[in-house]
Amino acid sequence: MAQYVAAIDQGTTSTRCIVFDHDGHVVCYDQKEH
């Protein structure tokens, strides 16, 4: 079973990635403007 899940949001002005652990807690978050 995977320990983490990454969600990527590709928007018009930025890209976000959030990593969740098995319990749904946010492990890491980053956002880059483009």
Protein backbone atom coordinates (compact mmCIF):
# COMPACT_ATOMS: atom_id res chain seq x y z
CA MET A 1 0.00 0.00 0.00
CA ALA A 2 1.25 3.49 -0.84
CA GLN A 3 2.23 5.63 2.12
CA TYR A 4 1.52 8.96 0.44
CA VAL A 5 -0.78 10.47 -2.17
CA ALA A 6 0.05 13.60 -4.18
CA ALA A 7 -2.63 15.92 -5.56
CA ILE A 8 -1.63 18.33 -8.33
CA ASP A 9 -3.69 21.41 -9.25
CA GLN A 10 -2.69 23.01 -12.56
CA GLY A 11 -4.25 26.48 -12.62
CA THR A 12 -3.95 29.40 -15.00
CA THR A 13 -1.45 31.32 -12.83
CA SER A 14 0.15 28.64 -10.65
CA THR A 15 0.65 24.93 -10.05
CA ARG A 16 0.11 23.43 -6.59
CA CYS A 17 1.07 20.06 -5.20
CA ILE A 18 -0.12 18.71 -1.85
CA VAL A 19 1.15 15.43 -0.37
CA PHE A 20 -1.11 13.56 2.06
CA ASP A 21 -0.26 10.67 4.36
CA HIS A 22 -2.40 7.55 4.87
CA ASP A 23 -4.54 9.33 7.50
CA GLY A 24 -5.27 12.31 5.22
CA HIS A 25 -2.92 14.74 6.94
CA VAL A 26 -0.97 17.21 4.79
CA VAL A 27 2.70 16.20 4.76
CA CYS A 28 3.94 18.86 2.34
CA TYR A 29 2.53 21.69 0.20
CA ASP A 30 4.14 23.80 -2.49
CA GLN A 31 2.97 26.33 -5.06
CA LYS A 32 4.84 27.78 -8.02
CA GLU A 33 3.64 30.80 -9.99
CA HIS A 34 3.97 30.68 -13.79
